[in-house]
Amino acid sequence: MKQAAFEEQWAPRWQAFAAWLDRRALARPAPRASRSAEAAVFPDEEFPRRYREICAHLALAQDRQYASELIERLNGLALRGHHVLYGAEPGQWRAVLDFVAYGFPRLVRQEWRATLAAAALFFLPLLAITALVAARPEAAYYLVDPQGLARYQEMYSDTAQALGRRGAEGDIAMFAFYIAHNTSIGFQTFAGGILGGLGTIFFLLFNGIDIGAVGGYLTNVGLGHNFWSFVAGHSGPELLAIGISGAAGFRLAQALLAPGAHTRKQALAIAGPLAVRLMLGAAGMFVLAAFIEGFWSPHRWFPNGVKYAAGGSLWLLLIAYFLFAGRRSDKGRGA
């Protein structure tokens, strides 16, 4: 679709969205019924759907490389809408639920190329190094220091009271630790995009190699049943979140390296909100992984088969979520 036709079709909706934001800034209640099918200010309860529509139009305009003035206009509306949606408002939780149920999986599918590239840079080294070190354990000493390997061997030994624990820490303390640890990995991977994507690539490769080296080494020394049963439960949300963090970093890198018709500053201003929304979703997945890692994964109360089944089921649920969630196109939810 040409830009002129795109603007003609949707401009009344953008005007209505801007008018709603202006009314809200002046603390005026929105009317319950529209005076006009498009241009009138819409009811308050329709705002989340209209906001998602604006974000979809912004993504289309960016993808089709429309004029920078149009993209900046839509970006401005999206930013203003974002401040309303994630402000301290009574409807905040509805907006969060809408993002989880619809916006986040759609955004990951929209950025599938960056997500696939990040996943390949993370999972392929992880699998390759796991296989290499499992066959040749001496290779682990080139990738992880001997003291670190000895510590991991102690953490996942058959005599460990709770797997993966670095001492006598309780579940709550480890939950807090894993939140900080997991989110720091995600943030480093995301922020590395500012270095033209080199930082993102480094952290994806480094973490994939590190996890693979530890997993392969413990498998070779006969502790794989403890390590992999520990990892199984939380691996889905944690590892997928690392890949999504990489996609967010690549989005920033693209704005810097291939800004198109925009200046790099403009391109970053356009890509920034999208990348931040990816990271918000990834952060939620890191918290979920930390909860499982702190309260489920370490304990020997459940047989390994139960842990593997639970972890595999969560992987399938997450894959189905990203493939299918938010696809329905009913008018009540919008694009």
C-alpha atoms as a PDB file:
ATOM      1  CA  MET A   1       0.000   0.000   0.000  1.00  0.00           C
ATOM      2  CA  LYS A   2       1.296   3.466  -0.887  1.00  0.00           C
ATOM      3  CA  GLN A   3       1.811   5.928   1.944  1.00  0.00           C
ATOM      4  CA  ALA A   4      -0.912   8.310   0.747  1.00  0.00           C
ATOM      5  CA  ALA A   5      -3.541   5.556   0.768  1.00  0.00           C
ATOM      6  CA  PHE A   6      -2.298   4.324   4.154  1.00  0.00           C
ATOM      7  CA  GLU A   7      -2.622   7.803   5.669  1.00  0.00           C
ATOM      8  CA  GLU A   8      -6.023   8.412   4.096  1.00  0.00           C
ATOM      9  CA  GLN A   9      -7.342   5.159   5.524  1.00  0.00           C
ATOM     10  CA  TRP A  10      -6.045   5.522   9.062  1.00  0.00           C
ATOM     11  CA  ALA A  11      -5.562   9.258   9.731  1.00  0.00           C
ATOM     12  CA  PRO A  12      -9.007   9.636  11.399  1.00  0.00           C
ATOM     13  CA  ARG A  13      -8.082   6.893  13.863  1.00  0.00           C
ATOM     14  CA  TRP A  14      -4.817   8.635  14.675  1.00  0.00           C
ATOM     15  CA  GLN A  15      -6.629  11.919  15.187  1.00  0.00           C
ATOM     16  CA  ALA A  16      -9.062  10.223  17.536  1.00  0.00           C
ATOM     17  CA  PHE A  17      -6.196   8.675  19.483  1.00  0.00           C
ATOM     18  CA  ALA A  18      -4.430  12.038  19.802  1.00  0.00           C
ATOM     19  CA  ALA A  19      -7.697  13.688  20.858  1.00  0.00           C
ATOM     20  CA  TRP A  20      -8.209  11.044  23.559  1.00  0.00           C
ATOM     21  CA  LEU A  21      -4.694  11.686  24.891  1.00  0.00           C
ATOM     22  CA  ASP A  22      -5.309  15.450  24.856  1.00  0.00           C
ATOM     23  CA  ARG A  23      -8.574  15.017  26.745  1.00  0.00           C
ATOM     24  CA  ARG A  24      -6.881  12.863  29.319  1.00  0.00           C
ATOM     25  CA  ALA A  25      -4.082  15.410  29.776  1.00  0.00           C
ATOM     26  CA  LEU A  26      -6.773  17.991  30.535  1.00  0.00           C
ATOM     27  CA  ALA A  27      -8.511  15.551  32.908  1.00  0.00           C
ATOM     28  CA  ARG A  28     -11.702  15.561  30.861  1.00  0.00           C
ATOM     29  CA  PRO A  29     -13.711  12.330  30.785  1.00  0.00           C
ATOM     30  CA  ALA A  30     -14.077  10.663  27.407  1.00  0.00           C
ATOM     31  CA  PRO A  31     -17.656  10.286  26.145  1.00  0.00           C
ATOM     32  CA  ARG A  32     -19.318   6.903  26.368  1.00  0.00           C
ATOM     33  CA  ALA A  33     -20.424   6.997  22.739  1.00  0.00           C
ATOM     34  CA  SER A  34     -18.677   8.335  19.654  1.00  0.00           C
ATOM     35  CA  ARG A  35     -20.131  11.324  17.882  1.00  0.00           C
ATOM     36  CA  SER A  36     -18.509  10.163  14.644  1.00  0.00           C
ATOM     37  CA  ALA A  37     -17.494   6.699  13.505  1.00  0.00           C
ATOM     38  CA  GLU A  38     -13.802   7.588  13.407  1.00  0.00           C
ATOM     39  CA  ALA A  39     -12.792  11.087  14.389  1.00  0.00           C
ATOM     40  CA  ALA A  40     -14.604  11.433  17.726  1.00  0.00           C
ATOM     41  CA  VAL A  41     -12.898  10.665  20.997  1.00  0.00           C
ATOM     42  CA  PHE A  42     -13.543   7.036  21.916  1.00  0.00           C
ATOM     43  CA  PRO A  43     -14.584   5.591  25.299  1.00  0.00           C
ATOM     44  CA  ASP A  44     -11.827   4.986  27.861  1.00  0.00           C
ATOM     45  CA  GLU A  45     -12.223   1.219  27.842  1.00  0.00           C
ATOM     46  CA  GLU A  46     -11.284   1.150  24.145  1.00  0.00           C
ATOM     47  CA  PHE A  47      -7.864   2.701  24.749  1.00  0.00           C
ATOM     48  CA  PRO A  48      -5.767  -0.545  24.982  1.00  0.00           C
ATOM     49  CA  ARG A  49      -7.090  -1.733  21.628  1.00  0.00           C
ATOM     50  CA  ARG A  50      -6.454   1.656  20.022  1.00  0.00           C
ATOM     51  CA  TYR A  51      -2.940   1.705  21.468  1.00  0.00           C
ATOM     52  CA  ARG A  52      -2.163  -1.693  19.967  1.00  0.00           C
ATOM     53  CA  GLU A  53      -3.506  -0.428  16.658  1.00  0.00           C
ATOM     54  CA  ILE A  54      -1.145   2.569  16.749  1.00  0.00           C
ATOM     55  CA  CYS A  55       1.801   0.248  17.493  1.00  0.00           C
ATOM     56  CA  ALA A  56       0.817  -1.991  14.590  1.00  0.00           C
ATOM     57  CA  HIS A  57       0.608   1.013  12.244  1.00  0.00           C
ATOM     58  CA  LEU A  58       4.014   2.220  13.463  1.00  0.00           C
ATOM     59  CA  ALA A  59       5.517  -1.195  12.746  1.00  0.00           C
ATOM     60  CA  LEU A  60       3.972  -1.213   9.261  1.00  0.00           C
ATOM     61  CA  ALA A  61       5.238   2.272   8.513  1.00  0.00           C
ATOM     62  CA  GLN A  62       8.745   1.289   9.603  1.00  0.00           C
ATOM     63  CA  ASP A  63       8.697  -1.936   7.612  1.00  0.00           C
ATOM     64  CA  ARG A  64       7.457  -0.170   4.459  1.00  0.00           C
ATOM     65  CA  GLN A  65       9.936   2.689   4.976  1.00  0.00           C
ATOM     66  CA  TYR A  66       7.363   5.453   4.776  1.00  0.00           C
ATOM     67  CA  ALA A  67       8.438   9.077   5.228  1.00  0.00           C
ATOM     68  CA  SER A  68      10.204   9.937   8.470  1.00  0.00           C
ATOM     69  CA  GLU A  69       7.542  12.548   9.314  1.00  0.00           C
ATOM     70  CA  LEU A  70       4.831   9.884   9.367  1.00  0.00           C
ATOM     71  CA  ILE A  71       6.953   7.467  11.396  1.00  0.00           C
ATOM     72  CA  GLU A  72       7.829  10.188  13.896  1.00  0.00           C
ATOM     73  CA  ARG A  73       4.143  11.103  14.219  1.00  0.00           C
ATOM     74  CA  LEU A  74       3.137   7.499  14.923  1.00  0.00           C
ATOM     75  CA  ASN A  75       6.093   7.014  17.221  1.00  0.00           C
ATOM     76  CA  GLY A  76       5.062  10.079  19.199  1.00  0.00           C
ATOM     77  CA  LEU A  77       1.533   8.743  19.576  1.00  0.00           C
ATOM     78  CA  ALA A  78       2.869   5.326  20.603  1.00  0.00           C
ATOM     79  CA  LEU A  79       5.158   6.893  23.216  1.00  0.00           C
ATOM     80  CA  ARG A  80       2.340   9.002  24.662  1.00  0.00           C
ATOM     81  CA  GLY A  81       0.112   5.946  24.722  1.00  0.00           C
ATOM     82  CA  HIS A  82       2.832   3.901  26.390  1.00  0.00           C
ATOM     83  CA  HIS A  83       3.147   6.445  29.209  1.00  0.00           C
ATOM     84  CA  VAL A  84      -0.592   6.223  29.808  1.00  0.00           C
ATOM     85  CA  LEU A  85      -0.725   2.448  29.551  1.00  0.00           C
ATOM     86  CA  TYR A  86       2.114   1.811  31.981  1.00  0.00           C
ATOM     87  CA  GLY A  87       1.416   4.669  34.348  1.00  0.00           C
ATOM     88  CA  ALA A  88      -0.124   4.231  37.778  1.00  0.00           C
ATOM     89  CA  GLU A  89      -3.655   3.931  36.492  1.00  0.00           C
ATOM     90  CA  PRO A  90      -6.506   1.628  37.588  1.00  0.00           C
ATOM     91  CA  GLY A  91      -6.399  -0.052  34.172  1.00  0.00           C
ATOM     92  CA  GLN A  92      -2.695  -0.825  34.416  1.00  0.00           C
ATOM     93  CA  TRP A  93      -3.161  -4.494  35.170  1.00  0.00           C
ATOM     94  CA  ARG A  94      -5.523  -4.876  32.223  1.00  0.00           C
ATOM     95  CA  ALA A  95      -2.857  -3.357  30.003  1.00  0.00           C
ATOM     96  CA  VAL A  96      -0.218  -5.727  31.403  1.00  0.00           C
ATOM     97  CA  LEU A  97      -2.472  -8.720  30.806  1.00  0.00           C
ATOM     98  CA  ASP A  98      -3.208  -7.546  27.272  1.00  0.00           C
ATOM     99  CA  PHE A  99       0.513  -7.227  26.588  1.00  0.00           C
ATOM    100  CA  VAL A 100       1.215 -10.712  27.934  1.00  0.00           C
ATOM    101  CA  ALA A 101      -1.721 -12.331  26.152  1.00  0.00           C
ATOM    102  CA  TYR A 102      -1.524 -10.485  22.826  1.00  0.00           C
ATOM    103  CA  GLY A 103       1.165  -7.853  22.406  1.00  0.00           C
ATOM    104  CA  PHE A 104       4.296  -9.746  23.433  1.00  0.00           C
ATOM    105  CA  PRO A 105       3.884 -12.882  21.302  1.00  0.00           C
ATOM    106  CA  ARG A 106       2.853 -10.739  18.314  1.00  0.00           C
ATOM    107  CA  LEU A 107       5.952  -8.602  18.795  1.00  0.00           C
ATOM    108  CA  VAL A 108       8.231 -11.638  18.912  1.00  0.00           C
ATOM    109  CA  ARG A 109       6.658 -12.969  15.708  1.00  0.00           C
ATOM    110  CA  GLN A 110       7.010  -9.548  14.102  1.00  0.00           C
ATOM    111  CA  GLU A 111      10.735  -9.582  14.954  1.00  0.00           C
ATOM    112  CA  TRP A 112      11.207 -13.230  13.984  1.00  0.00           C
ATOM    113  CA  ARG A 113      14.319 -12.612  11.921  1.00  0.00           C
ATOM    114  CA  ALA A 114      16.195 -10.949  14.780  1.00  0.00           C
ATOM    115  CA  THR A 115      14.862 -13.552  17.211  1.00  0.00           C
ATOM    116  CA  LEU A 116      15.943 -16.430  14.985  1.00  0.00           C
ATOM    117  CA  ALA A 117      19.421 -14.945  14.516  1.00  0.00           C
ATOM    118  CA  ALA A 118      19.847 -14.459  18.268  1.00  0.00           C
ATOM    119  CA  ALA A 119      18.565 -17.969  19.008  1.00  0.00           C
ATOM    120  CA  ALA A 120      21.026 -19.477  16.521  1.00  0.00           C
ATOM    121  CA  LEU A 121      23.957 -17.605  18.055  1.00  0.00           C
ATOM    122  CA  PHE A 122      22.968 -18.854  21.504  1.00  0.00           C
ATOM    123  CA  PHE A 123      21.614 -22.385  21.053  1.00  0.00           C
ATOM    124  CA  LEU A 124      23.994 -23.692  18.365  1.00  0.00           C
ATOM    125  CA  PRO A 125      27.171 -23.071  20.435  1.00  0.00           C
ATOM    126  CA  LEU A 126      25.378 -24.409  23.523  1.00  0.00           C
ATOM    127  CA  LEU A 127      24.530 -27.701  21.812  1.00  0.00           C
ATOM    128  CA  ALA A 128      27.877 -28.010  20.023  1.00  0.00           C
ATOM    129  CA  ILE A 129      29.976 -27.359  23.129  1.00  0.00           C
ATOM    130  CA  THR A 130      27.813 -29.689  25.224  1.00  0.00           C
ATOM    131  CA  ALA A 131      28.457 -32.518  22.758  1.00  0.00           C
ATOM    132  CA  LEU A 132      32.171 -31.689  22.443  1.00  0.00           C
ATOM    133  CA  VAL A 133      32.876 -31.538  26.182  1.00  0.00           C
ATOM    134  CA  ALA A 134      30.756 -34.601  26.915  1.00  0.00           C
ATOM    135  CA  ALA A 135      33.011 -36.517  24.506  1.00  0.00           C
ATOM    136  CA  ARG A 136      36.260 -34.754  25.449  1.00  0.00           C
ATOM    137  CA  PRO A 137      35.999 -33.445  29.033  1.00  0.00           C
ATOM    138  CA  GLU A 138      39.479 -31.917  28.956  1.00  0.00           C
ATOM    139  CA  ALA A 139      38.087 -29.262  26.583  1.00  0.00           C
ATOM    140  CA  ALA A 140      36.075 -27.840  29.480  1.00  0.00           C
ATOM    141  CA  TYR A 141      39.275 -26.563  31.113  1.00  0.00           C
ATOM    142  CA  TYR A 142      39.865 -24.251  28.149  1.00  0.00           C
ATOM    143  CA  LEU A 143      36.438 -22.691  28.644  1.00  0.00           C
ATOM    144  CA  VAL A 144      35.827 -22.687  32.417  1.00  0.00           C
ATOM    145  CA  ASP A 145      38.432 -22.277  35.154  1.00  0.00           C
ATOM    146  CA  PRO A 146      39.204 -25.436  37.177  1.00  0.00           C
ATOM    147  CA  GLN A 147      37.920 -23.898  40.414  1.00  0.00           C
ATOM    148  CA  GLY A 148      34.632 -23.147  38.714  1.00  0.00           C
ATOM    149  CA  LEU A 149      34.288 -26.701  37.442  1.00  0.00           C
ATOM    150  CA  ALA A 150      35.055 -28.068  40.915  1.00  0.00           C
ATOM    151  CA  ARG A 151      32.393 -25.800  42.373  1.00  0.00           C
ATOM    152  CA  TYR A 152      29.807 -26.970  39.836  1.00  0.00           C
ATOM    153  CA  GLN A 153      30.722 -30.578  40.551  1.00  0.00           C
ATOM    154  CA  GLU A 154      30.042 -29.978  44.235  1.00  0.00           C
ATOM    155  CA  MET A 155      26.766 -28.148  43.544  1.00  0.00           C
ATOM    156  CA  TYR A 156      25.392 -31.051  41.485  1.00  0.00           C
ATOM    157  CA  SER A 157      26.906 -33.951  43.384  1.00  0.00           C
ATOM    158  CA  ASP A 158      24.790 -36.898  44.501  1.00  0.00           C
ATOM    159  CA  THR A 159      25.349 -35.848  48.114  1.00  0.00           C
ATOM    160  CA  ALA A 160      24.136 -32.252  47.654  1.00  0.00           C
ATOM    161  CA  GLN A 161      21.034 -31.624  49.764  1.00  0.00           C
ATOM    162  CA  ALA A 162      19.660 -29.158  47.215  1.00  0.00           C
ATOM    163  CA  LEU A 163      20.956 -29.021  43.651  1.00  0.00           C
ATOM    164  CA  GLY A 164      22.592 -25.898  42.301  1.00  0.00           C
ATOM    165  CA  ARG A 165      23.038 -24.258  45.689  1.00  0.00           C
ATOM    166  CA  ARG A 166      26.238 -22.377  46.461  1.00  0.00           C
ATOM    167  CA  GLY A 167      25.826 -22.820  50.212  1.00  0.00           C
ATOM    168  CA  ALA A 168      23.025 -23.007  52.747  1.00  0.00           C
ATOM    169  CA  GLU A 169      20.872 -20.402  51.023  1.00  0.00           C
ATOM    170  CA  GLY A 170      17.113 -20.878  51.246  1.00  0.00           C
ATOM    171  CA  ASP A 171      14.595 -20.854  48.434  1.00  0.00           C
ATOM    172  CA  ILE A 172      13.702 -17.178  48.816  1.00  0.00           C
ATOM    173  CA  ALA A 173      17.342 -16.070  48.849  1.00  0.00           C
ATOM    174  CA  MET A 174      18.055 -18.094  45.721  1.00  0.00           C
ATOM    175  CA  PHE A 175      14.923 -16.776  44.027  1.00  0.00           C
ATOM    176  CA  ALA A 176      16.217 -13.230  44.569  1.00  0.00           C
ATOM    177  CA  PHE A 177      19.682 -14.240  43.394  1.00  0.00           C
ATOM    178  CA  TYR A 178      18.374 -15.807  40.199  1.00  0.00           C
ATOM    179  CA  ILE A 179      16.227 -12.774  39.399  1.00  0.00           C
ATOM    180  CA  ALA A 180      19.311 -10.548  39.602  1.00  0.00           C
ATOM    181  CA  HIS A 181      21.508 -13.040  37.746  1.00  0.00           C
ATOM    182  CA  ASN A 182      19.086 -13.843  34.936  1.00  0.00           C
ATOM    183  CA  THR A 183      18.009 -10.273  34.284  1.00  0.00           C
ATOM    184  CA  SER A 184      21.633  -9.102  34.267  1.00  0.00           C
ATOM    185  CA  ILE A 185      22.390 -11.573  31.456  1.00  0.00           C
ATOM    186  CA  GLY A 186      19.367 -10.332  29.531  1.00  0.00           C
ATOM    187  CA  PHE A 187      20.228  -6.672  30.033  1.00  0.00           C
ATOM    188  CA  GLN A 188      23.854  -7.181  28.969  1.00  0.00           C
ATOM    189  CA  THR A 189      22.701  -8.969  25.839  1.00  0.00           C
ATOM    190  CA  PHE A 190      20.190  -6.208  25.074  1.00  0.00           C
ATOM    191  CA  ALA A 191      22.496  -3.279  25.849  1.00  0.00           C
ATOM    192  CA  GLY A 192      25.228  -4.836  23.710  1.00  0.00           C
ATOM    193  CA  GLY A 193      23.227  -3.743  20.694  1.00  0.00           C
ATOM    194  CA  ILE A 194      24.487  -0.192  21.253  1.00  0.00           C
ATOM    195  CA  LEU A 195      27.931  -1.435  20.186  1.00  0.00           C
ATOM    196  CA  GLY A 196      26.623  -2.157  16.721  1.00  0.00           C
ATOM    197  CA  GLY A 197      25.466  -5.597  17.823  1.00  0.00           C
ATOM    198  CA  LEU A 198      28.964  -6.811  18.743  1.00  0.00           C
ATOM    199  CA  GLY A 199      28.137  -6.832  22.445  1.00  0.00           C
ATOM    200  CA  THR A 200      24.936  -8.756  21.792  1.00  0.00           C
ATOM    201  CA  ILE A 201      26.789 -11.337  19.704  1.00  0.00           C
ATOM    202  CA  PHE A 202      29.483 -11.703  22.372  1.00  0.00           C
ATOM    203  CA  PHE A 203      27.064 -12.308  25.242  1.00  0.00           C
ATOM    204  CA  LEU A 204      24.955 -14.750  23.225  1.00  0.00           C
ATOM    205  CA  LEU A 205      28.030 -16.772  22.256  1.00  0.00           C
ATOM    206  CA  PHE A 206      29.616 -16.530  25.699  1.00  0.00           C
ATOM    207  CA  ASN A 207      26.560 -17.732  27.584  1.00  0.00           C
ATOM    208  CA  GLY A 208      25.855 -20.516  25.101  1.00  0.00           C
ATOM    209  CA  ILE A 209      29.450 -21.760  25.336  1.00  0.00           C
ATOM    210  CA  ASP A 210      29.544 -21.432  29.135  1.00  0.00           C
ATOM    211  CA  ILE A 211      26.332 -23.378  29.704  1.00  0.00           C
ATOM    212  CA  GLY A 212      27.397 -26.006  27.165  1.00  0.00           C
ATOM    213  CA  ALA A 213      30.808 -26.449  28.788  1.00  0.00           C
ATOM    214  CA  VAL A 214      29.345 -26.939  32.256  1.00  0.00           C
ATOM    215  CA  GLY A 215      26.592 -29.264  31.036  1.00  0.00           C
ATOM    216  CA  GLY A 216      28.984 -31.351  28.949  1.00  0.00           C
ATOM    217  CA  TYR A 217      31.528 -31.626  31.765  1.00  0.00           C
ATOM    218  CA  LEU A 218      28.995 -32.696  34.381  1.00  0.00           C
ATOM    219  CA  THR A 219      27.525 -35.210  31.935  1.00  0.00           C
ATOM    220  CA  ASN A 220      30.955 -36.739  31.379  1.00  0.00           C
ATOM    221  CA  VAL A 221      31.756 -37.070  35.104  1.00  0.00           C
ATOM    222  CA  GLY A 222      28.455 -38.829  35.754  1.00  0.00           C
ATOM    223  CA  LEU A 223      26.437 -35.957  37.221  1.00  0.00           C
ATOM    224  CA  GLY A 224      24.361 -35.184  34.151  1.00  0.00           C
ATOM    225  CA  HIS A 225      21.242 -36.664  35.761  1.00  0.00           C
ATOM    226  CA  ASN A 226      21.438 -34.026  38.502  1.00  0.00           C
ATOM    227  CA  PHE A 227      22.380 -31.095  36.277  1.00  0.00           C
ATOM    228  CA  TRP A 228      19.889 -31.711  33.475  1.00  0.00           C
ATOM    229  CA  SER A 229      17.009 -32.469  35.848  1.00  0.00           C
ATOM    230  CA  PHE A 230      17.817 -29.198  37.618  1.00  0.00           C
ATOM    231  CA  VAL A 231      17.928 -27.253  34.347  1.00  0.00           C
ATOM    232  CA  ALA A 232      14.869 -28.900  32.776  1.00  0.00           C
ATOM    233  CA  GLY A 233      12.177 -27.029  34.693  1.00  0.00           C
ATOM    234  CA  HIS A 234      13.310 -23.447  34.131  1.00  0.00           C
ATOM    235  CA  SER A 235      15.272 -23.828  30.884  1.00  0.00           C
ATOM    236  CA  GLY A 236      12.334 -22.883  28.646  1.00  0.00           C
ATOM    237  CA  PRO A 237      11.602 -19.376  29.946  1.00  0.00           C
ATOM    238  CA  GLU A 238      15.223 -18.583  30.792  1.00  0.00           C
ATOM    239  CA  LEU A 239      16.891 -19.652  27.546  1.00  0.00           C
ATOM    240  CA  LEU A 240      14.145 -18.292  25.307  1.00  0.00           C
ATOM    241  CA  ALA A 241      14.307 -14.975  27.195  1.00  0.00           C
ATOM    242  CA  ILE A 242      18.034 -14.759  26.478  1.00  0.00           C
ATOM    243  CA  GLY A 243      17.270 -15.203  22.777  1.00  0.00           C
ATOM    244  CA  ILE A 244      14.568 -12.508  22.886  1.00  0.00           C
ATOM    245  CA  SER A 245      16.978 -10.163  24.693  1.00  0.00           C
ATOM    246  CA  GLY A 246      19.366 -10.733  21.813  1.00  0.00           C
ATOM    247  CA  ALA A 247      16.619  -9.830  19.330  1.00  0.00           C
ATOM    248  CA  ALA A 248      16.057  -6.563  21.231  1.00  0.00           C
ATOM    249  CA  GLY A 249      19.783  -5.848  21.055  1.00  0.00           C
ATOM    250  CA  PHE A 250      19.852  -6.529  17.311  1.00  0.00           C
ATOM    251  CA  ARG A 251      16.947  -4.115  16.860  1.00  0.00           C
ATOM    252  CA  LEU A 252      19.089  -1.369  18.387  1.00  0.00           C
ATOM    253  CA  ALA A 253      22.057  -2.436  16.269  1.00  0.00           C
ATOM    254  CA  GLN A 254      19.968  -2.266  13.103  1.00  0.00           C
ATOM    255  CA  ALA A 255      18.966   1.299  13.920  1.00  0.00           C
ATOM    256  CA  LEU A 256      22.636   2.237  14.255  1.00  0.00           C
ATOM    257  CA  LEU A 257      24.042   0.340  11.299  1.00  0.00           C
ATOM    258  CA  ALA A 258      21.163   0.633   8.822  1.00  0.00           C
ATOM    259  CA  PRO A 259      19.114   3.717   9.735  1.00  0.00           C
ATOM    260  CA  GLY A 260      17.733   4.031   6.210  1.00  0.00           C
ATOM    261  CA  ALA A 261      16.363   7.467   5.444  1.00  0.00           C
ATOM    262  CA  HIS A 262      16.702   8.554   9.087  1.00  0.00           C
ATOM    263  CA  THR A 263      19.567   9.859  11.127  1.00  0.00           C
ATOM    264  CA  ARG A 264      20.919   7.343  13.643  1.00  0.00           C
ATOM    265  CA  LYS A 265      19.355   9.350  16.435  1.00  0.00           C
ATOM    266  CA  GLN A 266      15.950   9.195  14.748  1.00  0.00           C
ATOM    267  CA  ALA A 267      16.328   5.501  13.995  1.00  0.00           C
ATOM    268  CA  LEU A 268      17.171   4.776  17.633  1.00  0.00           C
ATOM    269  CA  ALA A 269      14.172   6.811  18.772  1.00  0.00           C
ATOM    270  CA  ILE A 270      11.976   4.671  16.523  1.00  0.00           C
ATOM    271  CA  ALA A 271      13.538   1.301  17.403  1.00  0.00           C
ATOM    272  CA  GLY A 272      13.941   2.029  21.119  1.00  0.00           C
ATOM    273  CA  PRO A 273      10.310   1.589  22.254  1.00  0.00           C
ATOM    274  CA  LEU A 274       9.974  -1.639  20.295  1.00  0.00           C
ATOM    275  CA  ALA A 275      13.204  -3.038  21.756  1.00  0.00           C
ATOM    276  CA  VAL A 276      12.155  -2.012  25.269  1.00  0.00           C
ATOM    277  CA  ARG A 277       8.831  -3.814  24.861  1.00  0.00           C
ATOM    278  CA  LEU A 278      10.705  -6.962  23.840  1.00  0.00           C
ATOM    279  CA  MET A 279      12.835  -6.622  26.964  1.00  0.00           C
ATOM    280  CA  LEU A 280       9.792  -6.109  29.175  1.00  0.00           C
ATOM    281  CA  GLY A 281       8.444  -9.442  27.977  1.00  0.00           C
ATOM    282  CA  ALA A 282      11.840 -11.100  28.398  1.00  0.00           C
ATOM    283  CA  ALA A 283      12.103  -9.706  31.936  1.00  0.00           C
ATOM    284  CA  GLY A 284       8.812 -11.367  32.847  1.00  0.00           C
ATOM    285  CA  MET A 285      10.159 -14.668  31.518  1.00  0.00           C
ATOM    286  CA  PHE A 286      13.343 -14.261  33.556  1.00  0.00           C
ATOM    287  CA  VAL A 287      11.264 -13.766  36.715  1.00  0.00           C
ATOM    288  CA  LEU A 288       9.237 -16.896  35.922  1.00  0.00           C
ATOM    289  CA  ALA A 289      12.465 -18.840  35.372  1.00  0.00           C
ATOM    290  CA  ALA A 290      13.901 -17.547  38.659  1.00  0.00           C
ATOM    291  CA  PHE A 291      10.777 -18.652  40.529  1.00  0.00           C
ATOM    292  CA  ILE A 292      11.053 -22.183  39.123  1.00  0.00           C
ATOM    293  CA  GLU A 293      14.829 -22.206  39.653  1.00  0.00           C
ATOM    294  CA  GLY A 294      14.480 -21.135  43.264  1.00  0.00           C
ATOM    295  CA  PHE A 295      11.489 -23.158  44.437  1.00  0.00           C
ATOM    296  CA  TRP A 296      11.296 -26.235  42.157  1.00  0.00           C
ATOM    297  CA  SER A 297      14.529 -27.090  40.358  1.00  0.00           C
ATOM    298  CA  PRO A 298      16.865 -27.668  43.360  1.00  0.00           C
ATOM    299  CA  HIS A 299      14.710 -30.108  45.297  1.00  0.00           C
ATOM    300  CA  ARG A 300      14.946 -33.874  45.156  1.00  0.00           C
ATOM    301  CA  TRP A 301      11.353 -34.390  46.305  1.00  0.00           C
ATOM    302  CA  PHE A 302      10.262 -35.153  42.756  1.00  0.00           C
ATOM    303  CA  PRO A 303      11.723 -37.887  40.537  1.00  0.00           C
ATOM    304  CA  ASN A 304      13.830 -36.741  37.615  1.00  0.00           C
ATOM    305  CA  GLY A 305      11.211 -38.072  35.228  1.00  0.00           C
ATOM    306  CA  VAL A 306       8.638 -35.675  36.704  1.00  0.00           C
ATOM    307  CA  LYS A 307      11.063 -32.771  36.347  1.00  0.00           C
ATOM    308  CA  TYR A 308      11.794 -33.635  32.722  1.00  0.00           C
ATOM    309  CA  ALA A 309       8.083 -33.988  31.945  1.00  0.00           C
ATOM    310  CA  ALA A 310       7.281 -30.642  33.588  1.00  0.00           C
ATOM    311  CA  GLY A 311      10.144 -28.910  31.805  1.00  0.00           C
ATOM    312  CA  GLY A 312       9.224 -30.408  28.444  1.00  0.00           C
ATOM    313  CA  SER A 313       5.596 -29.406  28.907  1.00  0.00           C
ATOM    314  CA  LEU A 314       6.634 -25.829  29.670  1.00  0.00           C
ATOM    315  CA  TRP A 315       8.774 -25.751  26.515  1.00  0.00           C
ATOM    316  CA  LEU A 316       5.793 -26.883  24.445  1.00  0.00           C
ATOM    317  CA  LEU A 317       3.523 -24.309  26.085  1.00  0.00           C
ATOM    318  CA  LEU A 318       5.989 -21.507  25.411  1.00  0.00           C
ATOM    319  CA  ILE A 319       6.472 -22.535  21.787  1.00  0.00           C
ATOM    320  CA  ALA A 320       2.703 -22.679  21.291  1.00  0.00           C
ATOM    321  CA  TYR A 321       2.370 -19.292  23.018  1.00  0.00           C
ATOM    322  CA  PHE A 322       4.804 -17.575  20.683  1.00  0.00           C
ATOM    323  CA  LEU A 323       3.415 -19.283  17.601  1.00  0.00           C
ATOM    324  CA  PHE A 324      -0.306 -18.831  18.219  1.00  0.00           C
ATOM    325  CA  ALA A 325      -1.103 -16.380  21.041  1.00  0.00           C
ATOM    326  CA  GLY A 326      -2.689 -13.126  19.879  1.00  0.00           C
ATOM    327  CA  ARG A 327      -3.408 -14.359  16.360  1.00  0.00           C
ATOM    328  CA  ARG A 328      -7.162 -14.073  16.521  1.00  0.00           C
ATOM    329  CA  SER A 329      -8.386 -11.021  14.648  1.00  0.00           C
ATOM    330  CA  ASP A 330     -11.651 -10.193  16.365  1.00  0.00           C
ATOM    331  CA  LYS A 331     -12.604  -6.551  16.474  1.00  0.00           C
ATOM    332  CA  GLY A 332     -12.636  -6.495  20.255  1.00  0.00           C
ATOM    333  CA  ARG A 333      -8.848  -6.952  20.399  1.00  0.00           C
ATOM    334  CA  GLY A 334      -7.663  -5.172  17.323  1.00  0.00           C
ATOM    335  CA  ALA A 335      -4.329  -5.594  15.543  1.00  0.00           C
END
